[in-house]
């Protein structure tokens, strides 16, 4: 049975200028899901479906009812109102429609016991949904002791190493205790949610991976780096997608038997 994996998308403004000789057209919006996420799920054996961030909580239950797993993708900053803070000047842009949709989506997935994998923003959304908080800007709030977590190199090139906690589920899935990762974020986990434990950290102490305290209760984990862009350079990153699909297969079997 091929498990269905929902992949969250974002909204993007269409600001492309018309080519010479073309008629100018008004700006609009479109739904975007980077192909790397979708291919990561497909190559691991799952059936990816892209989830448009519209409708808020209204259509979440129907979507979740058709899914066996959930991949929370990267993207814009999460509005700090979701963890009880006001924004600081260094905070980036937010997309209210996406924030509302994904917070409702995670809540519904948690209630149904659907396996969840969060990448970059996705890890942060998981942490906040479970009761944690975020650094709104690493440089502003951690100062000079923090690494530069926004690389300018290509996405498949590593920026720094992370130390994976021995005995962690993420470490077992990746088959590694030290992993080189890329880095494209300026926010990070501040207060860890009660239901999570730290799986990996960067040399400056920034949390780079989290996982459920009890996988028998809720199967979920998240990584701060963009594993989808590093699948071609290391099997350890592909293993994360394989783990999601395997857990989703088990969920699909249980759903079919119910």
Protein backbone atom coordinates (compact mmCIF):
# COMPACT_ATOMS: atom_id res chain seq x y z
CA UNK A 1 0.00 0.00 0.00
CA UNK A 2 1.51 3.32 -1.10
CA UNK A 3 1.07 5.87 1.69
CA UNK A 4 -0.23 9.34 0.89
CA UNK A 5 2.05 12.08 2.23
CA UNK A 6 0.79 15.66 2.45
CA UNK A 7 3.45 18.28 1.63
CA UNK A 8 2.75 21.82 2.77
CA UNK A 9 3.03 24.63 0.24
CA UNK A 10 3.36 28.39 0.51
CA UNK A 11 1.87 31.41 -1.22
CA UNK A 12 4.10 33.41 -3.53
CA UNK A 13 3.45 36.74 -5.19
CA UNK A 14 3.80 36.71 -8.96
CA UNK A 15 5.92 39.78 -9.62
CA UNK A 16 7.55 38.84 -12.90
CA UNK A 17 7.84 41.66 -15.42
CA UNK A 18 6.38 41.00 -18.88
CA UNK A 19 8.78 40.08 -21.67
CA UNK A 20 9.32 42.58 -24.49
CA UNK A 21 6.21 42.75 -26.65
CA UNK A 22 3.98 41.08 -24.04
CA UNK A 23 1.01 42.75 -22.44
CA UNK A 24 1.52 43.68 -18.81
CA UNK A 25 -0.63 41.70 -16.44
CA UNK A 26 -1.60 42.40 -12.83
CA UNK A 27 0.28 40.86 -9.95
CA UNK A 28 -1.23 37.77 -8.43
CA UNK A 29 -0.42 34.90 -6.11
CA UNK A 30 0.34 31.26 -6.71
CA UNK A 31 0.89 28.16 -4.62
CA UNK A 32 4.44 26.86 -4.46
CA UNK A 33 5.95 23.65 -3.15
CA UNK A 34 9.63 23.13 -3.95
CA UNK A 35 10.10 20.04 -6.09
CA UNK A 36 12.83 18.72 -3.78
CA UNK A 37 10.26 18.05 -1.04
CA UNK A 38 7.88 16.30 -3.41
CA UNK A 39 10.61 14.21 -5.03
CA UNK A 40 12.03 13.32 -1.62
CA UNK A 41 8.70 11.73 -0.69
CA UNK A 42 8.20 10.10 -4.09
CA UNK A 43 11.71 8.64 -4.28
CA UNK A 44 11.22 7.13 -0.82
CA UNK A 45 8.09 5.32 -2.01
CA UNK A 46 5.33 7.68 -0.93
CA UNK A 47 2.56 9.33 -2.92
CA UNK A 48 2.98 13.10 -2.37
CA UNK A 49 0.06 15.51 -2.45
CA UNK A 50 0.60 19.27 -2.22
CA UNK A 51 -1.47 21.06 0.43
CA UNK A 52 -2.48 24.63 -0.47
CA UNK A 53 -2.50 26.98 2.54
CA UNK A 54 -6.03 28.27 2.07
CA UNK A 55 -9.23 27.95 4.04
CA UNK A 56 -7.60 27.98 7.48
CA UNK A 57 -9.06 25.27 9.67
CA UNK A 58 -12.14 24.82 7.48
CA UNK A 59 -10.85 22.05 5.20
CA UNK A 60 -8.06 20.68 7.38
CA UNK A 61 -10.00 17.70 8.73
CA UNK A 62 -10.90 16.52 5.23
CA UNK A 63 -7.30 16.80 4.05
CA UNK A 64 -5.88 15.02 7.08
CA UNK A 65 -8.43 12.25 6.70
CA UNK A 66 -6.92 11.39 3.32
CA UNK A 67 -3.29 11.39 4.50
CA UNK A 68 -0.99 8.81 6.04
CA UNK A 69 1.91 11.18 6.71
CA UNK A 70 2.71 14.89 6.76
CA UNK A 71 5.80 16.79 5.61
CA UNK A 72 5.99 20.37 6.89
CA UNK A 73 8.17 22.32 4.47
CA UNK A 74 10.38 25.37 4.99
CA UNK A 75 9.60 28.99 4.23
CA UNK A 76 8.53 32.23 5.88
CA UNK A 77 8.68 33.14 9.57
CA UNK A 78 5.89 31.99 11.87
CA UNK A 79 3.95 34.85 13.44
CA UNK A 80 5.19 35.15 17.06
CA UNK A 81 1.61 35.61 18.28
CA UNK A 82 1.38 31.82 18.15
CA UNK A 83 3.89 31.61 21.01
CA UNK A 84 2.73 34.68 22.89
CA UNK A 85 5.31 37.26 21.76
CA UNK A 86 5.36 40.50 19.83
CA UNK A 87 7.58 40.73 16.77
CA UNK A 88 11.05 42.24 16.92
CA UNK A 89 12.46 44.45 14.13
CA UNK A 90 14.71 41.67 12.84
CA UNK A 91 11.84 39.25 12.29
CA UNK A 92 11.15 38.34 8.66
CA UNK A 93 7.94 38.38 6.66
CA UNK A 94 5.01 36.21 7.70
CA UNK A 95 2.16 34.76 5.65
CA UNK A 96 -0.98 34.77 7.83
CA UNK A 97 -2.90 32.31 5.63
CA UNK A 98 -0.09 29.78 5.82
CA UNK A 99 0.40 30.20 9.57
CA UNK A 100 -3.30 29.68 10.30
CA UNK A 101 -3.55 26.69 7.98
CA UNK A 102 -0.44 24.90 9.22
CA UNK A 103 -1.15 25.37 12.91
CA UNK A 104 -4.61 23.86 12.36
CA UNK A 105 -3.13 21.14 10.15
CA UNK A 106 -0.59 20.06 12.78
CA UNK A 107 -3.27 20.00 15.46
CA UNK A 108 -5.47 17.74 13.33
CA UNK A 109 -2.54 15.46 12.41
CA UNK A 110 -1.58 15.11 16.07
CA UNK A 111 -5.14 14.19 17.03
CA UNK A 112 -5.20 11.46 14.36
CA UNK A 113 -1.72 10.14 15.16
CA UNK A 114 -0.38 10.87 11.68
CA UNK A 115 3.45 10.70 11.35
CA UNK A 116 4.99 14.15 10.91
CA UNK A 117 8.37 15.29 9.55
CA UNK A 118 9.22 19.00 9.81
CA UNK A 119 11.99 20.70 7.81
CA UNK A 120 13.38 24.15 8.78
CA UNK A 121 10.21 26.22 9.32
CA UNK A 122 8.43 22.88 9.68
CA UNK A 123 10.48 22.03 12.76
CA UNK A 124 9.66 25.45 14.20
CA UNK A 125 5.94 25.03 13.53
CA UNK A 126 6.01 21.63 15.26
CA UNK A 127 7.75 23.09 18.31
CA UNK A 128 5.29 25.97 18.62
CA UNK A 129 2.23 23.77 18.00
CA UNK A 130 3.34 21.59 20.91
CA UNK A 131 3.89 24.55 23.25
CA UNK A 132 7.43 25.77 22.57
CA UNK A 133 8.85 29.15 21.52
CA UNK A 134 11.35 30.47 18.95
CA UNK A 135 14.25 32.83 18.65
CA UNK A 136 12.87 35.37 16.20
CA UNK A 137 16.36 36.20 14.94
CA UNK A 138 19.44 34.23 15.92
CA UNK A 139 21.93 37.06 15.40
CA UNK A 140 19.88 39.62 17.33
CA UNK A 141 19.01 37.35 20.25
CA UNK A 142 22.08 35.13 20.57
CA UNK A 143 24.72 37.67 19.53
CA UNK A 144 28.25 37.09 18.31
CA UNK A 145 28.48 33.60 19.81
CA UNK A 146 26.13 32.23 17.17
CA UNK A 147 27.24 30.81 13.85
CA UNK A 148 26.04 32.33 10.61
CA UNK A 149 23.05 30.11 9.87
CA UNK A 150 22.23 31.71 6.52
CA UNK A 151 24.68 30.40 3.98
CA UNK A 152 25.20 31.88 0.53
CA UNK A 153 26.45 28.61 -0.99
CA UNK A 154 24.27 26.29 -3.07
CA UNK A 155 21.65 24.35 -1.15
CA UNK A 156 23.33 20.97 -1.55
CA UNK A 157 26.60 22.27 -0.09
CA UNK A 158 27.12 21.96 3.69
CA UNK A 159 27.64 25.01 5.88
CA UNK A 160 28.54 23.44 9.22
CA UNK A 161 28.42 20.20 11.17
CA UNK A 162 25.82 19.15 13.70
CA UNK A 163 26.31 16.74 16.56
CA UNK A 164 23.58 14.12 16.63
CA UNK A 165 22.72 12.82 20.09
CA UNK A 166 23.83 9.23 20.61
CA UNK A 167 20.86 6.92 21.00
CA UNK A 168 18.42 9.39 19.47
CA UNK A 169 15.87 8.22 16.95
CA UNK A 170 17.15 10.76 14.40
CA UNK A 171 20.69 9.45 14.86
CA UNK A 172 19.56 5.87 14.30
CA UNK A 173 17.56 6.85 11.23
CA UNK A 174 20.48 8.73 9.71
CA UNK A 175 23.10 6.23 10.81
CA UNK A 176 25.34 9.09 11.91
CA UNK A 177 26.45 10.95 15.04
CA UNK A 178 28.12 13.83 13.21
CA UNK A 179 26.54 15.20 10.06
CA UNK A 180 27.44 18.08 7.75
CA UNK A 181 24.35 20.12 6.87
CA UNK A 182 23.30 23.16 4.91
CA UNK A 183 21.81 26.16 6.72
CA UNK A 184 19.18 28.64 5.51
CA UNK A 185 17.43 29.97 8.60
CA UNK A 186 17.55 32.93 10.94
CA UNK A 187 15.07 31.59 13.50
CA UNK A 188 15.46 28.58 15.79
CA UNK A 189 13.94 26.75 18.73
CA UNK A 190 14.17 28.77 21.94
CA UNK A 191 12.10 26.95 24.56
CA UNK A 192 11.64 23.31 23.63
CA UNK A 193 8.06 22.02 23.67
CA UNK A 194 7.28 19.57 26.51
CA UNK A 195 6.60 16.67 24.13
CA UNK A 196 9.96 16.93 22.36
CA UNK A 197 13.62 16.15 23.03
CA UNK A 198 16.71 17.52 21.29
CA UNK A 199 18.23 15.14 18.72
CA UNK A 200 21.02 17.33 17.31
CA UNK A 201 22.71 20.69 17.89
CA UNK A 202 25.19 22.90 16.04
CA UNK A 203 28.52 23.93 17.66
CA UNK A 204 26.97 27.19 18.94
CA UNK A 205 24.22 25.29 20.77
CA UNK A 206 21.40 26.06 18.33
CA UNK A 207 18.95 23.16 18.21
CA UNK A 208 19.18 21.43 14.83
CA UNK A 209 16.86 18.44 15.25
CA UNK A 210 14.06 17.40 17.59
CA UNK A 211 11.99 14.29 18.02
CA UNK A 212 9.05 12.98 19.99
CA UNK A 213 9.69 11.97 23.59
CA UNK A 214 7.63 8.84 22.93
CA UNK A 215 7.26 7.50 19.37
CA UNK A 216 4.66 5.00 20.53
CA UNK A 217 2.50 7.98 21.51
CA UNK A 218 3.26 10.29 18.55
CA UNK A 219 5.61 9.66 15.63
CA UNK A 220 7.23 12.98 14.76
CA UNK A 221 10.58 14.63 14.28
CA UNK A 222 12.06 17.72 12.65
CA UNK A 223 15.40 18.98 11.34
CA UNK A 224 16.50 22.59 11.00
CA UNK A 225 18.54 22.01 7.84
CA UNK A 226 17.11 21.47 4.36
CA UNK A 227 17.44 17.70 4.08
CA UNK A 228 15.44 17.69 0.86
CA UNK A 229 18.25 19.57 -0.90
CA UNK A 230 20.98 17.24 0.40
CA UNK A 231 19.46 13.91 -0.65
CA UNK A 232 21.85 13.64 -3.60
CA UNK A 233 24.99 14.09 -1.50
CA UNK A 234 24.29 11.77 1.42
CA UNK A 235 22.20 8.69 2.11
CA UNK A 236 21.75 9.92 5.68
CA UNK A 237 19.46 12.69 4.41
CA UNK A 238 17.49 10.32 2.18
CA UNK A 239 17.01 8.08 5.19
CA UNK A 240 14.86 10.73 6.85
CA UNK A 241 12.36 10.62 4.00
CA UNK A 242 12.45 6.83 4.00
CA UNK A 243 11.65 6.85 7.71
CA UNK A 244 8.63 9.10 7.17
CA UNK A 245 7.30 6.90 4.37
CA UNK A 246 7.83 3.74 6.44
CA UNK A 247 5.89 5.21 9.38
CA UNK A 248 3.18 6.40 6.97
CA UNK A 249 2.91 2.88 5.54
CA UNK A 250 2.18 1.55 9.01
CA UNK A 251 -0.42 4.26 9.48
CA UNK A 252 -2.02 3.39 6.13
CA UNK A 253 -2.31 -0.27 7.16
CA UNK A 254 -3.94 0.69 10.44
CA UNK A 255 -6.30 3.08 8.67
CA UNK A 256 -7.33 0.39 6.17
CA UNK A 257 -7.98 -2.09 8.96
CA UNK A 258 -10.09 0.33 11.01
